[in-house]
N, C-alpha and C. Protein backbone atom coordinates (compact mmCIF):
# COMPACT_ATOMS: atom_id res chain seq x y z
N VAL A 1 22.51 12.66 -32.03
CA VAL A 1 23.16 12.33 -30.77
C VAL A 1 22.14 11.77 -29.77
N LEU A 2 20.99 12.45 -29.66
CA LEU A 2 19.96 11.97 -28.74
C LEU A 2 19.46 10.59 -29.14
N HIS A 3 19.39 10.36 -30.44
CA HIS A 3 18.95 9.03 -30.90
C HIS A 3 19.93 7.95 -30.46
N LEU A 4 21.21 8.22 -30.57
CA LEU A 4 22.21 7.24 -30.16
C LEU A 4 22.18 7.01 -28.65
N VAL A 5 21.96 8.09 -27.89
CA VAL A 5 21.88 7.94 -26.44
C VAL A 5 20.66 7.12 -26.05
N ASN A 6 19.54 7.35 -26.74
CA ASN A 6 18.29 6.67 -26.39
C ASN A 6 18.16 5.28 -27.02
N LEU A 7 19.02 4.95 -27.98
CA LEU A 7 18.88 3.70 -28.70
C LEU A 7 18.88 2.47 -27.79
N PRO A 8 19.81 2.33 -26.82
CA PRO A 8 19.76 1.13 -25.96
C PRO A 8 18.44 1.01 -25.21
N TRP A 9 17.89 2.15 -24.76
CA TRP A 9 16.62 2.11 -24.03
C TRP A 9 15.48 1.76 -24.97
N LYS A 10 15.52 2.25 -26.21
CA LYS A 10 14.48 1.92 -27.18
C LYS A 10 14.49 0.42 -27.47
N ILE A 11 15.68 -0.15 -27.60
CA ILE A 11 15.78 -1.59 -27.84
C ILE A 11 15.27 -2.36 -26.62
N PHE A 12 15.62 -1.88 -25.44
CA PHE A 12 15.20 -2.54 -24.20
C PHE A 12 13.67 -2.55 -24.07
N PHE A 13 13.04 -1.42 -24.39
CA PHE A 13 11.59 -1.31 -24.25
C PHE A 13 10.85 -1.88 -25.47
N ALA A 14 11.58 -2.34 -26.48
CA ALA A 14 10.92 -2.92 -27.65
C ALA A 14 10.21 -4.23 -27.32
N VAL A 15 10.52 -4.84 -26.18
CA VAL A 15 9.88 -6.10 -25.80
C VAL A 15 8.46 -5.86 -25.27
N VAL A 16 8.08 -4.60 -25.03
CA VAL A 16 6.73 -4.30 -24.57
C VAL A 16 5.75 -4.57 -25.72
N PRO A 17 4.76 -5.44 -25.51
CA PRO A 17 3.84 -5.80 -26.61
C PRO A 17 2.90 -4.65 -26.96
N PRO A 18 2.30 -4.67 -28.14
CA PRO A 18 1.34 -3.64 -28.54
C PRO A 18 0.07 -3.69 -27.69
N THR A 19 -0.68 -2.60 -27.73
CA THR A 19 -1.88 -2.50 -26.90
C THR A 19 -3.04 -3.35 -27.41
N LYS A 20 -2.92 -3.94 -28.59
CA LYS A 20 -4.04 -4.71 -29.14
C LYS A 20 -4.20 -6.07 -28.47
N TYR A 21 -3.22 -6.48 -27.68
CA TYR A 21 -3.29 -7.77 -27.00
C TYR A 21 -3.92 -7.63 -25.62
N CYS A 22 -4.89 -8.49 -25.30
CA CYS A 22 -5.51 -8.57 -23.97
C CYS A 22 -6.10 -7.23 -23.53
N GLY A 23 -6.61 -6.49 -24.48
CA GLY A 23 -7.23 -5.23 -24.13
C GLY A 23 -6.28 -4.17 -23.59
N GLY A 24 -5.00 -4.31 -23.86
CA GLY A 24 -4.01 -3.34 -23.37
C GLY A 24 -3.40 -3.70 -22.04
N TRP A 25 -3.97 -4.69 -21.34
CA TRP A 25 -3.45 -5.05 -20.02
C TRP A 25 -2.04 -5.64 -20.09
N LEU A 26 -1.75 -6.38 -21.17
CA LEU A 26 -0.41 -6.94 -21.31
C LEU A 26 0.62 -5.83 -21.46
N THR A 27 0.27 -4.81 -22.24
CA THR A 27 1.16 -3.65 -22.39
C THR A 27 1.36 -2.95 -21.06
N PHE A 28 0.28 -2.79 -20.33
CA PHE A 28 0.35 -2.12 -19.03
C PHE A 28 1.27 -2.87 -18.07
N CYS A 29 1.10 -4.18 -17.98
CA CYS A 29 1.92 -4.98 -17.05
C CYS A 29 3.39 -4.96 -17.45
N PHE A 30 3.66 -5.12 -18.76
CA PHE A 30 5.05 -5.10 -19.22
C PHE A 30 5.68 -3.72 -18.99
N SER A 31 4.90 -2.66 -19.21
CA SER A 31 5.42 -1.31 -19.01
C SER A 31 5.78 -1.08 -17.55
N LEU A 32 4.91 -1.52 -16.64
CA LEU A 32 5.22 -1.39 -15.22
C LEU A 32 6.49 -2.14 -14.86
N MET A 33 6.64 -3.34 -15.41
CA MET A 33 7.83 -4.13 -15.13
C MET A 33 9.09 -3.43 -15.64
N MET A 34 9.04 -2.90 -16.85
CA MET A 34 10.19 -2.21 -17.43
C MET A 34 10.53 -0.94 -16.64
N ILE A 35 9.51 -0.18 -16.27
CA ILE A 35 9.75 1.03 -15.48
C ILE A 35 10.38 0.66 -14.14
N GLY A 36 9.91 -0.43 -13.53
CA GLY A 36 10.49 -0.88 -12.27
C GLY A 36 11.96 -1.25 -12.42
N ILE A 37 12.30 -1.94 -13.51
CA ILE A 37 13.69 -2.33 -13.74
C ILE A 37 14.57 -1.10 -13.94
N VAL A 38 14.10 -0.17 -14.78
CA VAL A 38 14.88 1.04 -15.03
C VAL A 38 15.04 1.86 -13.75
N THR A 39 13.96 1.96 -12.96
CA THR A 39 14.03 2.71 -11.71
C THR A 39 15.02 2.08 -10.75
N ALA A 40 15.03 0.74 -10.69
CA ALA A 40 15.98 0.04 -9.81
C ALA A 40 17.42 0.31 -10.25
N ILE A 41 17.64 0.29 -11.57
CA ILE A 41 18.99 0.55 -12.09
C ILE A 41 19.43 1.98 -11.76
N VAL A 42 18.53 2.94 -12.04
CA VAL A 42 18.86 4.34 -11.77
C VAL A 42 19.09 4.57 -10.27
N GLY A 43 18.24 3.97 -9.43
CA GLY A 43 18.41 4.11 -7.98
C GLY A 43 19.74 3.55 -7.50
N ASP A 44 20.11 2.37 -8.02
CA ASP A 44 21.39 1.77 -7.63
C ASP A 44 22.57 2.60 -8.10
N MET A 45 22.50 3.10 -9.33
CA MET A 45 23.58 3.93 -9.84
C MET A 45 23.73 5.22 -9.03
N ALA A 46 22.59 5.81 -8.65
CA ALA A 46 22.64 7.02 -7.83
C ALA A 46 23.23 6.72 -6.46
N GLY A 47 22.85 5.58 -5.88
CA GLY A 47 23.41 5.20 -4.60
C GLY A 47 24.92 4.97 -4.68
N LEU A 48 25.37 4.32 -5.74
CA LEU A 48 26.81 4.09 -5.93
C LEU A 48 27.56 5.40 -6.12
N LEU A 49 26.95 6.35 -6.86
CA LEU A 49 27.58 7.65 -7.04
C LEU A 49 27.73 8.37 -5.71
N GLY A 50 26.67 8.33 -4.89
CA GLY A 50 26.76 8.95 -3.58
C GLY A 50 27.83 8.32 -2.71
N CYS A 51 27.97 7.00 -2.82
CA CYS A 51 29.02 6.31 -2.05
C CYS A 51 30.40 6.72 -2.51
N VAL A 52 30.57 6.84 -3.82
CA VAL A 52 31.89 7.20 -4.37
C VAL A 52 32.31 8.60 -3.96
N ILE A 53 31.37 9.55 -3.96
CA ILE A 53 31.72 10.94 -3.63
C ILE A 53 31.65 11.21 -2.12
N GLY A 54 31.37 10.16 -1.33
CA GLY A 54 31.36 10.32 0.12
C GLY A 54 30.14 11.01 0.69
N MET A 55 29.02 10.94 -0.01
CA MET A 55 27.79 11.57 0.47
C MET A 55 27.07 10.62 1.43
N PRO A 56 26.61 11.10 2.59
CA PRO A 56 25.87 10.24 3.53
C PRO A 56 24.64 9.64 2.88
N ASP A 57 24.27 8.44 3.34
CA ASP A 57 23.14 7.73 2.74
C ASP A 57 21.85 8.54 2.81
N GLU A 58 21.64 9.25 3.93
CA GLU A 58 20.41 10.02 4.09
C GLU A 58 20.30 11.13 3.03
N ILE A 59 21.43 11.79 2.74
CA ILE A 59 21.42 12.86 1.74
C ILE A 59 21.33 12.27 0.33
N THR A 60 22.01 11.15 0.10
CA THR A 60 21.91 10.48 -1.19
C THR A 60 20.46 10.11 -1.50
N ALA A 61 19.73 9.66 -0.48
CA ALA A 61 18.35 9.21 -0.68
C ALA A 61 17.44 10.35 -1.12
N ILE A 62 17.62 11.55 -0.53
CA ILE A 62 16.71 12.66 -0.83
C ILE A 62 17.19 13.51 -2.01
N THR A 63 18.36 13.21 -2.55
CA THR A 63 18.87 13.99 -3.69
C THR A 63 19.03 13.09 -4.92
N LEU A 64 20.10 12.33 -4.99
CA LEU A 64 20.42 11.57 -6.18
C LEU A 64 19.39 10.48 -6.45
N VAL A 65 19.10 9.66 -5.43
CA VAL A 65 18.14 8.57 -5.62
C VAL A 65 16.74 9.12 -5.90
N ALA A 66 16.35 10.15 -5.15
CA ALA A 66 15.02 10.73 -5.35
C ALA A 66 14.88 11.33 -6.75
N LEU A 67 15.91 12.01 -7.22
CA LEU A 67 15.86 12.57 -8.57
C LEU A 67 15.78 11.46 -9.62
N GLY A 68 16.60 10.44 -9.46
CA GLY A 68 16.62 9.36 -10.44
C GLY A 68 15.31 8.60 -10.53
N THR A 69 14.67 8.35 -9.39
CA THR A 69 13.43 7.59 -9.39
C THR A 69 12.21 8.45 -9.68
N SER A 70 12.33 9.78 -9.56
CA SER A 70 11.18 10.66 -9.78
C SER A 70 11.14 11.27 -11.18
N LEU A 71 12.21 11.16 -11.93
CA LEU A 71 12.21 11.73 -13.28
C LEU A 71 11.12 11.15 -14.17
N PRO A 72 10.85 9.82 -14.14
CA PRO A 72 9.73 9.31 -14.94
C PRO A 72 8.40 9.99 -14.59
N ASP A 73 8.16 10.23 -13.29
CA ASP A 73 6.94 10.93 -12.88
C ASP A 73 6.92 12.36 -13.42
N THR A 74 8.09 12.99 -13.41
CA THR A 74 8.18 14.37 -13.90
C THR A 74 7.79 14.47 -15.37
N PHE A 75 8.34 13.57 -16.19
CA PHE A 75 8.04 13.59 -17.62
C PHE A 75 6.58 13.19 -17.88
N ALA A 76 6.06 12.26 -17.06
CA ALA A 76 4.65 11.87 -17.22
C ALA A 76 3.73 13.05 -16.91
N SER A 77 4.05 13.80 -15.86
CA SER A 77 3.25 14.97 -15.51
C SER A 77 3.35 16.05 -16.59
N LYS A 78 4.54 16.22 -17.14
CA LYS A 78 4.73 17.20 -18.22
C LYS A 78 3.87 16.83 -19.44
N THR A 79 3.88 15.55 -19.80
CA THR A 79 3.08 15.11 -20.94
C THR A 79 1.59 15.31 -20.68
N ALA A 80 1.16 14.97 -19.45
CA ALA A 80 -0.26 15.13 -19.11
C ALA A 80 -0.66 16.60 -19.12
N ALA A 81 0.24 17.48 -18.63
CA ALA A 81 -0.08 18.91 -18.61
C ALA A 81 -0.21 19.49 -20.02
N MET A 82 0.57 18.95 -20.96
CA MET A 82 0.52 19.45 -22.33
C MET A 82 -0.67 18.91 -23.11
N GLN A 83 -1.10 17.70 -22.79
CA GLN A 83 -2.12 17.05 -23.60
C GLN A 83 -3.53 17.19 -23.03
N ASP A 84 -3.68 17.31 -21.71
CA ASP A 84 -5.00 17.34 -21.09
C ASP A 84 -5.54 18.76 -21.00
N PRO A 85 -6.85 18.92 -21.01
CA PRO A 85 -7.43 20.26 -20.93
C PRO A 85 -7.38 20.89 -19.55
N ASN A 86 -7.08 20.10 -18.51
CA ASN A 86 -6.96 20.63 -17.15
C ASN A 86 -5.75 20.05 -16.46
N ALA A 87 -5.53 20.49 -15.21
CA ALA A 87 -4.32 20.10 -14.48
C ALA A 87 -4.53 18.86 -13.63
N ASP A 88 -5.72 18.25 -13.68
CA ASP A 88 -6.02 17.14 -12.78
C ASP A 88 -5.04 15.98 -12.95
N ALA A 89 -4.80 15.59 -14.20
CA ALA A 89 -3.97 14.41 -14.44
C ALA A 89 -2.52 14.66 -14.04
N SER A 90 -1.98 15.83 -14.37
CA SER A 90 -0.58 16.10 -14.08
C SER A 90 -0.31 16.21 -12.58
N ILE A 91 -1.19 16.89 -11.86
CA ILE A 91 -1.01 17.01 -10.41
C ILE A 91 -1.41 15.70 -9.72
N GLY A 92 -2.48 15.07 -10.22
CA GLY A 92 -2.89 13.79 -9.65
C GLY A 92 -1.84 12.72 -9.82
N ASN A 93 -1.06 12.78 -10.91
CA ASN A 93 0.02 11.82 -11.11
C ASN A 93 1.07 11.95 -10.01
N VAL A 94 1.36 13.17 -9.59
CA VAL A 94 2.35 13.39 -8.54
C VAL A 94 1.86 12.84 -7.21
N THR A 95 0.62 13.20 -6.83
CA THR A 95 0.08 12.72 -5.55
C THR A 95 -0.13 11.21 -5.56
N GLY A 96 -0.58 10.68 -6.70
CA GLY A 96 -0.77 9.23 -6.79
C GLY A 96 0.54 8.48 -6.70
N SER A 97 1.57 9.00 -7.37
CA SER A 97 2.88 8.35 -7.33
C SER A 97 3.44 8.35 -5.92
N ASN A 98 3.31 9.48 -5.22
CA ASN A 98 3.83 9.55 -3.86
C ASN A 98 3.03 8.67 -2.91
N SER A 99 1.73 8.52 -3.15
CA SER A 99 0.95 7.63 -2.29
C SER A 99 1.40 6.18 -2.46
N VAL A 100 1.75 5.80 -3.69
CA VAL A 100 2.28 4.45 -3.92
C VAL A 100 3.62 4.29 -3.21
N ASN A 101 4.48 5.31 -3.31
CA ASN A 101 5.78 5.24 -2.65
C ASN A 101 5.65 5.09 -1.14
N VAL A 102 4.73 5.86 -0.55
CA VAL A 102 4.61 5.87 0.91
C VAL A 102 3.86 4.64 1.41
N PHE A 103 2.68 4.38 0.85
CA PHE A 103 1.84 3.33 1.40
C PHE A 103 2.27 1.94 0.94
N LEU A 104 2.55 1.78 -0.34
CA LEU A 104 2.95 0.47 -0.85
C LEU A 104 4.46 0.27 -0.75
N GLY A 105 5.21 1.32 -1.12
CA GLY A 105 6.66 1.20 -1.10
C GLY A 105 7.25 0.99 0.28
N LEU A 106 6.59 1.52 1.31
CA LEU A 106 7.02 1.28 2.69
C LEU A 106 6.28 0.11 3.32
N GLY A 107 4.98 0.04 3.09
CA GLY A 107 4.16 -0.97 3.75
C GLY A 107 4.48 -2.39 3.31
N LEU A 108 4.66 -2.62 2.01
CA LEU A 108 4.91 -3.97 1.52
C LEU A 108 6.25 -4.54 1.99
N PRO A 109 7.38 -3.81 1.87
CA PRO A 109 8.63 -4.34 2.42
C PRO A 109 8.57 -4.54 3.93
N TRP A 110 7.89 -3.65 4.64
CA TRP A 110 7.77 -3.79 6.08
C TRP A 110 6.98 -5.06 6.43
N PHE A 111 5.92 -5.30 5.67
CA PHE A 111 5.10 -6.49 5.87
C PHE A 111 5.92 -7.76 5.64
N ILE A 112 6.69 -7.78 4.54
CA ILE A 112 7.52 -8.95 4.23
C ILE A 112 8.60 -9.13 5.28
N GLY A 113 9.24 -8.00 5.69
CA GLY A 113 10.28 -8.08 6.71
C GLY A 113 9.76 -8.59 8.04
N ALA A 114 8.57 -8.15 8.42
CA ALA A 114 7.98 -8.60 9.68
C ALA A 114 7.71 -10.10 9.66
N ILE A 115 7.20 -10.60 8.53
CA ILE A 115 6.95 -12.05 8.40
C ILE A 115 8.26 -12.82 8.45
N TYR A 116 9.28 -12.31 7.76
CA TYR A 116 10.58 -12.99 7.73
C TYR A 116 11.16 -13.12 9.13
N TRP A 117 11.18 -12.01 9.87
CA TRP A 117 11.78 -12.05 11.20
C TRP A 117 10.94 -12.86 12.18
N SER A 118 9.64 -12.87 11.97
CA SER A 118 8.78 -13.68 12.83
C SER A 118 9.03 -15.17 12.63
N ASN A 119 9.34 -15.57 11.39
CA ASN A 119 9.56 -16.99 11.09
C ASN A 119 11.01 -17.42 11.24
N ASN A 120 11.94 -16.47 11.33
CA ASN A 120 13.37 -16.81 11.39
C ASN A 120 14.06 -16.24 12.62
N TRP A 121 13.29 -15.93 13.67
CA TRP A 121 13.88 -15.31 14.85
C TRP A 121 14.94 -16.19 15.48
N GLU A 122 14.69 -17.48 15.58
CA GLU A 122 15.64 -18.39 16.22
C GLU A 122 16.97 -18.40 15.48
N ALA A 123 16.91 -18.46 14.15
CA ALA A 123 18.14 -18.55 13.36
C ALA A 123 18.89 -17.23 13.30
N GLN A 124 18.16 -16.10 13.34
CA GLN A 124 18.77 -14.79 13.17
C GLN A 124 18.97 -14.04 14.49
N MET A 125 18.68 -14.68 15.61
CA MET A 125 18.71 -13.99 16.89
C MET A 125 20.09 -13.41 17.21
N GLY A 126 21.16 -14.19 16.97
CA GLY A 126 22.50 -13.71 17.28
C GLY A 126 22.87 -12.49 16.46
N LYS A 127 22.55 -12.51 15.18
CA LYS A 127 22.83 -11.37 14.30
C LYS A 127 22.02 -10.16 14.72
N TRP A 128 20.75 -10.37 15.10
CA TRP A 128 19.87 -9.28 15.50
C TRP A 128 20.36 -8.61 16.77
N LEU A 129 20.79 -9.42 17.74
CA LEU A 129 21.20 -8.87 19.04
C LEU A 129 22.45 -8.02 18.93
N THR A 130 23.35 -8.35 18.01
CA THR A 130 24.62 -7.62 17.89
C THR A 130 24.54 -6.45 16.91
N HIS A 131 23.43 -6.32 16.19
CA HIS A 131 23.28 -5.20 15.27
C HIS A 131 23.24 -3.90 16.06
N ARG A 132 23.89 -2.86 15.52
CA ARG A 132 24.04 -1.63 16.27
C ARG A 132 23.13 -0.52 15.74
N VAL A 133 22.60 0.28 16.66
CA VAL A 133 21.87 1.49 16.35
C VAL A 133 22.51 2.61 17.17
N GLY A 134 23.26 3.47 16.48
CA GLY A 134 24.03 4.48 17.19
C GLY A 134 25.17 3.82 17.96
N LYS A 135 25.23 4.09 19.26
CA LYS A 135 26.29 3.52 20.10
C LYS A 135 25.83 2.29 20.87
N LYS A 136 24.59 1.88 20.68
CA LYS A 136 24.05 0.73 21.39
C LYS A 136 23.74 -0.40 20.42
N THR A 137 23.74 -1.63 20.96
CA THR A 137 23.31 -2.77 20.18
C THR A 137 21.79 -2.92 20.30
N TYR A 138 21.24 -3.73 19.41
CA TYR A 138 19.80 -3.98 19.49
C TYR A 138 19.45 -4.66 20.82
N GLU A 139 20.39 -5.47 21.32
CA GLU A 139 20.13 -6.13 22.61
C GLU A 139 19.95 -5.10 23.72
N GLU A 140 20.76 -4.05 23.72
CA GLU A 140 20.66 -3.01 24.75
C GLU A 140 19.47 -2.08 24.50
N GLU A 141 19.17 -1.81 23.25
CA GLU A 141 18.16 -0.80 22.92
C GLU A 141 16.74 -1.37 22.87
N TYR A 142 16.59 -2.56 22.28
CA TYR A 142 15.25 -3.06 21.99
C TYR A 142 14.85 -4.32 22.75
N LEU A 143 15.81 -5.16 23.12
CA LEU A 143 15.45 -6.46 23.70
C LEU A 143 14.57 -6.35 24.95
N PRO A 144 14.80 -5.38 25.87
CA PRO A 144 13.89 -5.30 27.04
C PRO A 144 12.43 -5.11 26.66
N ASP A 145 12.16 -4.34 25.61
CA ASP A 145 10.78 -4.10 25.20
C ASP A 145 10.27 -5.11 24.18
N TYR A 146 11.20 -5.75 23.44
CA TYR A 146 10.80 -6.71 22.42
C TYR A 146 11.59 -8.01 22.61
N PRO A 147 11.21 -8.81 23.60
CA PRO A 147 11.98 -10.04 23.90
C PRO A 147 11.95 -11.06 22.77
N ASP A 148 10.97 -10.97 21.88
CA ASP A 148 10.89 -11.90 20.75
C ASP A 148 11.50 -11.32 19.48
N GLY A 149 12.18 -10.18 19.60
CA GLY A 149 12.79 -9.56 18.44
C GLY A 149 11.75 -8.91 17.54
N GLY A 150 12.17 -8.56 16.35
CA GLY A 150 11.26 -7.92 15.40
C GLY A 150 12.02 -7.21 14.30
N PHE A 151 11.27 -6.68 13.36
CA PHE A 151 11.85 -5.96 12.22
C PHE A 151 12.00 -4.49 12.61
N MET A 152 13.23 -4.08 12.91
CA MET A 152 13.50 -2.75 13.42
C MET A 152 14.21 -1.89 12.36
N VAL A 153 13.69 -0.69 12.15
CA VAL A 153 14.34 0.27 11.26
C VAL A 153 14.35 1.61 11.99
N PRO A 154 15.43 1.96 12.70
CA PRO A 154 15.49 3.24 13.44
C PRO A 154 15.27 4.42 12.51
N ALA A 155 14.55 5.42 13.00
CA ALA A 155 14.16 6.56 12.16
C ALA A 155 15.30 7.54 11.90
N GLY A 156 16.21 7.70 12.81
CA GLY A 156 17.28 8.68 12.62
C GLY A 156 16.73 10.09 12.62
N SER A 157 17.06 10.87 11.59
CA SER A 157 16.61 12.26 11.49
C SER A 157 15.34 12.39 10.65
N LEU A 158 14.56 11.30 10.56
CA LEU A 158 13.38 11.29 9.71
C LEU A 158 12.34 12.31 10.14
N ALA A 159 12.15 12.47 11.46
CA ALA A 159 11.10 13.37 11.95
C ALA A 159 11.31 14.80 11.45
N PHE A 160 12.54 15.27 11.51
CA PHE A 160 12.84 16.63 11.06
C PHE A 160 12.60 16.75 9.56
N SER A 161 13.05 15.74 8.79
CA SER A 161 12.89 15.78 7.34
C SER A 161 11.42 15.78 6.95
N VAL A 162 10.61 14.95 7.62
CA VAL A 162 9.17 14.90 7.31
C VAL A 162 8.50 16.22 7.68
N ALA A 163 8.92 16.83 8.80
CA ALA A 163 8.34 18.12 9.20
C ALA A 163 8.63 19.20 8.16
N VAL A 164 9.86 19.24 7.65
CA VAL A 164 10.22 20.21 6.62
C VAL A 164 9.44 19.94 5.34
N PHE A 165 9.34 18.66 4.97
CA PHE A 165 8.60 18.31 3.75
C PHE A 165 7.13 18.70 3.88
N THR A 166 6.53 18.44 5.04
CA THR A 166 5.12 18.77 5.24
C THR A 166 4.90 20.27 5.13
N THR A 167 5.81 21.05 5.70
CA THR A 167 5.71 22.50 5.62
C THR A 167 5.79 22.97 4.17
N CYS A 168 6.74 22.43 3.42
CA CYS A 168 6.88 22.80 2.01
C CYS A 168 5.66 22.36 1.20
N ALA A 169 5.10 21.19 1.53
CA ALA A 169 3.92 20.71 0.81
C ALA A 169 2.72 21.62 1.06
N VAL A 170 2.56 22.09 2.31
CA VAL A 170 1.47 23.01 2.62
C VAL A 170 1.63 24.31 1.84
N LEU A 171 2.84 24.82 1.76
CA LEU A 171 3.10 26.04 0.99
C LEU A 171 2.81 25.81 -0.50
N CYS A 172 3.14 24.62 -1.00
CA CYS A 172 2.86 24.29 -2.40
C CYS A 172 1.36 24.28 -2.66
N ILE A 173 0.61 23.65 -1.77
CA ILE A 173 -0.85 23.62 -1.92
C ILE A 173 -1.43 25.04 -1.83
N GLY A 174 -0.86 25.85 -0.94
CA GLY A 174 -1.29 27.23 -0.85
C GLY A 174 -1.07 27.99 -2.15
N LEU A 175 0.07 27.72 -2.80
CA LEU A 175 0.35 28.36 -4.09
C LEU A 175 -0.69 27.95 -5.13
N LEU A 176 -1.03 26.66 -5.16
CA LEU A 176 -2.03 26.19 -6.13
C LEU A 176 -3.38 26.85 -5.89
N LEU A 177 -3.76 27.02 -4.62
CA LEU A 177 -5.02 27.69 -4.32
C LEU A 177 -5.00 29.15 -4.74
N LEU A 178 -3.87 29.81 -4.51
CA LEU A 178 -3.74 31.21 -4.94
C LEU A 178 -3.79 31.33 -6.46
N ARG A 179 -3.15 30.40 -7.15
CA ARG A 179 -3.18 30.43 -8.61
C ARG A 179 -4.60 30.21 -9.12
N ARG A 180 -5.34 29.31 -8.47
CA ARG A 180 -6.71 29.08 -8.91
C ARG A 180 -7.57 30.33 -8.73
N ALA A 181 -7.31 31.07 -7.63
CA ALA A 181 -8.12 32.24 -7.33
C ALA A 181 -7.75 33.45 -8.18
N PHE A 182 -6.43 33.62 -8.45
CA PHE A 182 -5.98 34.86 -9.09
C PHE A 182 -5.44 34.69 -10.51
N CYS A 183 -5.09 33.45 -10.88
CA CYS A 183 -4.50 33.23 -12.20
C CYS A 183 -5.40 32.41 -13.12
N GLY A 184 -6.50 31.92 -12.58
CA GLY A 184 -7.43 31.17 -13.42
C GLY A 184 -7.12 29.70 -13.57
N GLY A 185 -6.09 29.20 -12.94
CA GLY A 185 -5.75 27.78 -13.05
C GLY A 185 -4.47 27.46 -12.31
N GLU A 186 -4.28 26.15 -12.03
CA GLU A 186 -3.11 25.74 -11.26
C GLU A 186 -1.82 25.74 -12.07
N LEU A 187 -1.90 25.46 -13.36
CA LEU A 187 -0.71 25.35 -14.20
C LEU A 187 -0.72 26.41 -15.29
N GLY A 188 0.49 26.72 -15.79
CA GLY A 188 0.62 27.62 -16.93
C GLY A 188 0.25 29.05 -16.58
N GLY A 189 -0.39 29.72 -17.52
CA GLY A 189 -0.76 31.11 -17.32
C GLY A 189 0.16 32.05 -18.06
N SER A 190 -0.02 33.33 -17.83
CA SER A 190 0.78 34.35 -18.51
C SER A 190 2.00 34.71 -17.69
N SER A 191 2.90 35.41 -18.32
CA SER A 191 4.10 35.90 -17.62
C SER A 191 3.73 37.14 -16.80
N PRO A 192 4.37 37.38 -15.66
CA PRO A 192 5.44 36.56 -15.07
C PRO A 192 4.93 35.55 -14.05
N GLN A 193 3.58 35.34 -13.97
CA GLN A 193 3.03 34.46 -12.94
C GLN A 193 3.58 33.03 -13.05
N LYS A 194 3.64 32.50 -14.26
CA LYS A 194 4.07 31.11 -14.39
C LYS A 194 5.56 30.95 -14.04
N GLU A 195 6.38 31.95 -14.43
CA GLU A 195 7.81 31.87 -14.09
C GLU A 195 8.03 32.00 -12.58
N LEU A 196 7.29 32.90 -11.96
CA LEU A 196 7.42 33.08 -10.51
C LEU A 196 6.96 31.82 -9.76
N SER A 197 5.92 31.19 -10.25
CA SER A 197 5.43 29.95 -9.62
C SER A 197 6.49 28.86 -9.72
N ALA A 198 7.11 28.75 -10.89
CA ALA A 198 8.14 27.72 -11.07
C ALA A 198 9.34 27.98 -10.15
N VAL A 199 9.76 29.24 -10.06
CA VAL A 199 10.89 29.59 -9.19
C VAL A 199 10.55 29.29 -7.73
N PHE A 200 9.33 29.59 -7.32
CA PHE A 200 8.92 29.34 -5.93
C PHE A 200 8.93 27.85 -5.61
N LEU A 201 8.44 27.02 -6.53
CA LEU A 201 8.42 25.58 -6.29
C LEU A 201 9.83 24.99 -6.24
N VAL A 202 10.70 25.45 -7.13
CA VAL A 202 12.09 25.00 -7.08
C VAL A 202 12.75 25.46 -5.78
N PHE A 203 12.42 26.68 -5.33
CA PHE A 203 12.95 27.19 -4.07
C PHE A 203 12.51 26.30 -2.90
N LEU A 204 11.26 25.84 -2.91
CA LEU A 204 10.79 24.94 -1.85
C LEU A 204 11.60 23.65 -1.83
N TRP A 205 11.88 23.11 -3.03
CA TRP A 205 12.68 21.89 -3.10
C TRP A 205 14.09 22.11 -2.56
N LEU A 206 14.69 23.25 -2.91
CA LEU A 206 16.04 23.56 -2.43
C LEU A 206 16.04 23.76 -0.91
N ILE A 207 14.99 24.38 -0.38
CA ILE A 207 14.87 24.55 1.07
C ILE A 207 14.80 23.20 1.76
N TYR A 208 13.98 22.30 1.21
CA TYR A 208 13.85 20.96 1.80
C TYR A 208 15.18 20.21 1.78
N ILE A 209 15.86 20.24 0.63
CA ILE A 209 17.14 19.55 0.52
C ILE A 209 18.16 20.16 1.47
N SER A 210 18.23 21.48 1.53
CA SER A 210 19.23 22.16 2.34
C SER A 210 19.02 21.89 3.83
N LEU A 211 17.79 22.06 4.31
CA LEU A 211 17.52 21.87 5.74
C LEU A 211 17.69 20.41 6.15
N SER A 212 17.22 19.49 5.32
CA SER A 212 17.36 18.07 5.65
C SER A 212 18.82 17.65 5.65
N SER A 213 19.59 18.14 4.68
CA SER A 213 21.02 17.80 4.62
C SER A 213 21.76 18.40 5.80
N TRP A 214 21.43 19.65 6.15
CA TRP A 214 22.06 20.29 7.31
C TRP A 214 21.79 19.51 8.59
N ASN A 215 20.54 19.07 8.77
CA ASN A 215 20.19 18.31 9.97
C ASN A 215 20.91 16.97 10.02
N THR A 216 21.03 16.30 8.87
CA THR A 216 21.74 15.03 8.82
C THR A 216 23.20 15.20 9.19
N LEU A 217 23.86 16.19 8.59
CA LEU A 217 25.26 16.42 8.88
C LEU A 217 25.48 16.86 10.32
N ALA A 218 24.56 17.68 10.86
CA ALA A 218 24.69 18.14 12.25
C ALA A 218 24.58 16.98 13.23
N ASN A 219 23.72 16.01 12.94
CA ASN A 219 23.54 14.85 13.84
C ASN A 219 24.70 13.89 13.77
N LYS A 220 25.46 13.93 12.65
CA LYS A 220 26.59 13.03 12.52
C LYS A 220 27.84 13.56 13.21
N GLU A 221 27.84 14.85 13.54
CA GLU A 221 29.03 15.43 14.17
C GLU A 221 29.08 15.09 15.66
């Protein structure tokens, strides 16, 4: 059954060339491209599911879309944890992936958007002025401070969500430090330490999802 489920993906990824070409760089580039395509498909499907079930975009982003786009990182970290003699690769994969999401995933689209609006302000001015943020238009909210327009993305409830995430991240790092001091390592270990660590980390994720979703729904009322 699993073979039949995975067969379309195996055929799709069969176009990735072997590592013997170009010192493996061709394989690396093709793999990145394929992962990007699959991530885009999964993200879009998750967004459509959230739309169908009536879930707000903010909650869809931190639940369905986040799960769909982060599963490849999860499996990569699992493989690294099983194969490597230490936890550096598995934990480093998580921090490295998130740094790409934050710095490149936000910075590059923002950079492109800023250039676009700078070069097309005259043509897009009417659309920009009538775009709404809350109960006000961009003309009422931003034009006095930005007479030449610009690439605007209102934060909404982002500050609260980031504050909750930062708090959970600090607690996660604290757990890793405690495990290093008392369990001999960041990952694995004997029972019940490893099970309790897993439950605590899942609990942090549920806390983040719950508080962020509550804040989003409260602001919409």
